[in-house]
Amino acid sequence: MTLLMCLLLMAFYFLPSLVAWSRRCTAGAGIVIVNLFLGWTFIGWVVALAWAASGKTRASAPLETIAGMPSMDTMPRILKSNR
């Protein structure tokens, strides 16, 4: 039970870093540093969370590069070329 509680507390402490990672923030390293060193102060934790929630994000890779399949944007061109 104490291990579970410790993991939950650590996840909550690093919530700003997790938000930055999931949003693919461009300033992810800075957010992690602020969270790591100033997160123990409530103000530092709130600043890191606000930064992670409002920071710029990287563009996602197009679907065709991820799955090797055409995206919905290129589908009409493919259908026209097959006729």
C-alpha atoms as a PDB file:
ATOM      1  CA  MET A   1       0.000   0.000   0.000  1.00  0.00           C
ATOM      2  CA  THR A   2       2.794   2.427   0.790  1.00  0.00           C
ATOM      3  CA  LEU A   3       4.468   1.731  -2.558  1.00  0.00           C
ATOM      4  CA  LEU A   4       1.250   2.553  -4.381  1.00  0.00           C
ATOM      5  CA  MET A   5       0.841   5.751  -2.383  1.00  0.00           C
ATOM      6  CA  CYS A   6       4.441   6.742  -3.120  1.00  0.00           C
ATOM      7  CA  LEU A   7       3.929   6.169  -6.868  1.00  0.00           C
ATOM      8  CA  LEU A   8       0.719   8.204  -6.853  1.00  0.00           C
ATOM      9  CA  LEU A   9       2.401  11.071  -5.025  1.00  0.00           C
ATOM     10  CA  MET A  10       5.328  11.037  -7.455  1.00  0.00           C
ATOM     11  CA  ALA A  11       2.933  11.027 -10.415  1.00  0.00           C
ATOM     12  CA  PHE A  12       1.112  14.010  -8.912  1.00  0.00           C
ATOM     13  CA  TYR A  13       4.402  15.830  -8.217  1.00  0.00           C
ATOM     14  CA  PHE A  14       5.546  15.320 -11.817  1.00  0.00           C
ATOM     15  CA  LEU A  15       2.128  16.102 -13.312  1.00  0.00           C
ATOM     16  CA  PRO A  16       3.425  19.243 -15.074  1.00  0.00           C
ATOM     17  CA  SER A  17       6.199  17.194 -16.688  1.00  0.00           C
ATOM     18  CA  LEU A  18       3.726  14.513 -17.732  1.00  0.00           C
ATOM     19  CA  VAL A  19       1.413  17.136 -19.241  1.00  0.00           C
ATOM     20  CA  ALA A  20       4.324  18.681 -21.154  1.00  0.00           C
ATOM     21  CA  TRP A  21       5.372  15.268 -22.442  1.00  0.00           C
ATOM     22  CA  SER A  22       1.858  14.284 -23.507  1.00  0.00           C
ATOM     23  CA  ARG A  23       1.297  17.652 -25.245  1.00  0.00           C
ATOM     24  CA  ARG A  24       4.753  17.464 -26.891  1.00  0.00           C
ATOM     25  CA  CYS A  25       5.720  20.933 -25.646  1.00  0.00           C
ATOM     26  CA  THR A  26       8.723  22.556 -27.279  1.00  0.00           C
ATOM     27  CA  ALA A  27       9.938  23.738 -23.853  1.00  0.00           C
ATOM     28  CA  GLY A  28       9.605  20.299 -22.280  1.00  0.00           C
ATOM     29  CA  ALA A  29      13.127  20.259 -20.851  1.00  0.00           C
ATOM     30  CA  GLY A  30      12.637  23.612 -19.154  1.00  0.00           C
ATOM     31  CA  ILE A  31       9.334  22.486 -17.692  1.00  0.00           C
ATOM     32  CA  VAL A  32      10.952  19.333 -16.301  1.00  0.00           C
ATOM     33  CA  ILE A  33      13.774  21.372 -14.743  1.00  0.00           C
ATOM     34  CA  VAL A  34      11.376  23.849 -13.120  1.00  0.00           C
ATOM     35  CA  ASN A  35       9.198  20.981 -11.933  1.00  0.00           C
ATOM     36  CA  LEU A  36      12.157  19.043 -10.547  1.00  0.00           C
ATOM     37  CA  PHE A  37      13.871  21.887  -8.683  1.00  0.00           C
ATOM     38  CA  LEU A  38      10.991  24.235  -7.829  1.00  0.00           C
ATOM     39  CA  GLY A  39       8.035  21.859  -7.771  1.00  0.00           C
ATOM     40  CA  TRP A  40       8.355  21.385  -4.030  1.00  0.00           C
ATOM     41  CA  THR A  41       7.245  24.993  -3.661  1.00  0.00           C
ATOM     42  CA  PHE A  42       3.593  25.272  -4.550  1.00  0.00           C
ATOM     43  CA  ILE A  43       4.271  28.324  -6.729  1.00  0.00           C
ATOM     44  CA  GLY A  44       6.934  26.494  -8.756  1.00  0.00           C
ATOM     45  CA  TRP A  45       4.598  23.556  -9.305  1.00  0.00           C
ATOM     46  CA  VAL A  46       1.755  25.832 -10.461  1.00  0.00           C
ATOM     47  CA  VAL A  47       4.108  27.760 -12.779  1.00  0.00           C
ATOM     48  CA  ALA A  48       5.363  24.501 -14.323  1.00  0.00           C
ATOM     49  CA  LEU A  49       1.792  23.236 -14.766  1.00  0.00           C
ATOM     50  CA  ALA A  50       0.623  26.497 -16.356  1.00  0.00           C
ATOM     51  CA  TRP A  51       3.656  26.513 -18.654  1.00  0.00           C
ATOM     52  CA  ALA A  52       3.012  22.915 -19.681  1.00  0.00           C
ATOM     53  CA  ALA A  53      -0.668  23.580 -20.338  1.00  0.00           C
ATOM     54  CA  SER A  54      -0.148  26.731 -22.380  1.00  0.00           C
ATOM     55  CA  GLY A  55       3.211  26.206 -24.073  1.00  0.00           C
ATOM     56  CA  LYS A  56       3.833  25.740 -27.781  1.00  0.00           C
ATOM     57  CA  THR A  57       3.608  22.178 -29.038  1.00  0.00           C
ATOM     58  CA  ARG A  58       5.407  20.384 -31.827  1.00  0.00           C
ATOM     59  CA  ALA A  59       3.407  19.496 -34.914  1.00  0.00           C
ATOM     60  CA  SER A  60       2.342  15.894 -35.090  1.00  0.00           C
ATOM     61  CA  ALA A  61       3.824  13.707 -37.775  1.00  0.00           C
ATOM     62  CA  PRO A  62       1.508  13.069 -40.717  1.00  0.00           C
ATOM     63  CA  LEU A  63      -0.386   9.816 -40.626  1.00  0.00           C
ATOM     64  CA  GLU A  64       1.380   8.427 -43.670  1.00  0.00           C
ATOM     65  CA  THR A  65       4.759   8.690 -41.940  1.00  0.00           C
ATOM     66  CA  ILE A  66       3.451   6.921 -38.859  1.00  0.00           C
ATOM     67  CA  ALA A  67       1.453   4.099 -40.399  1.00  0.00           C
ATOM     68  CA  GLY A  68       2.750   4.077 -43.959  1.00  0.00           C
ATOM     69  CA  MET A  69      -0.820   4.715 -45.126  1.00  0.00           C
ATOM     70  CA  PRO A  70      -2.254   7.712 -46.983  1.00  0.00           C
ATOM     71  CA  SER A  71      -4.034  10.324 -44.916  1.00  0.00           C
ATOM     72  CA  MET A  72      -7.561  11.558 -45.566  1.00  0.00           C
ATOM     73  CA  ASP A  73      -6.105  14.660 -47.234  1.00  0.00           C
ATOM     74  CA  THR A  74      -4.399  12.622 -49.951  1.00  0.00           C
ATOM     75  CA  MET A  75      -7.214  10.094 -50.371  1.00  0.00           C
ATOM     76  CA  PRO A  76      -9.196  12.078 -53.017  1.00  0.00           C
ATOM     77  CA  ARG A  77      -6.058  12.389 -55.186  1.00  0.00           C
ATOM     78  CA  ILE A  78      -5.455   8.649 -54.937  1.00  0.00           C
ATOM     79  CA  LEU A  79      -9.045   7.847 -55.850  1.00  0.00           C
ATOM     80  CA  LYS A  80      -8.982  10.212 -58.855  1.00  0.00           C
ATOM     81  CA  SER A  81      -5.742   8.710 -60.165  1.00  0.00           C
ATOM     82  CA  ASN A  82      -7.199   5.177 -60.062  1.00  0.00           C
ATOM     83  CA  ARG A  83     -10.171   6.055 -62.308  1.00  0.00           C
END
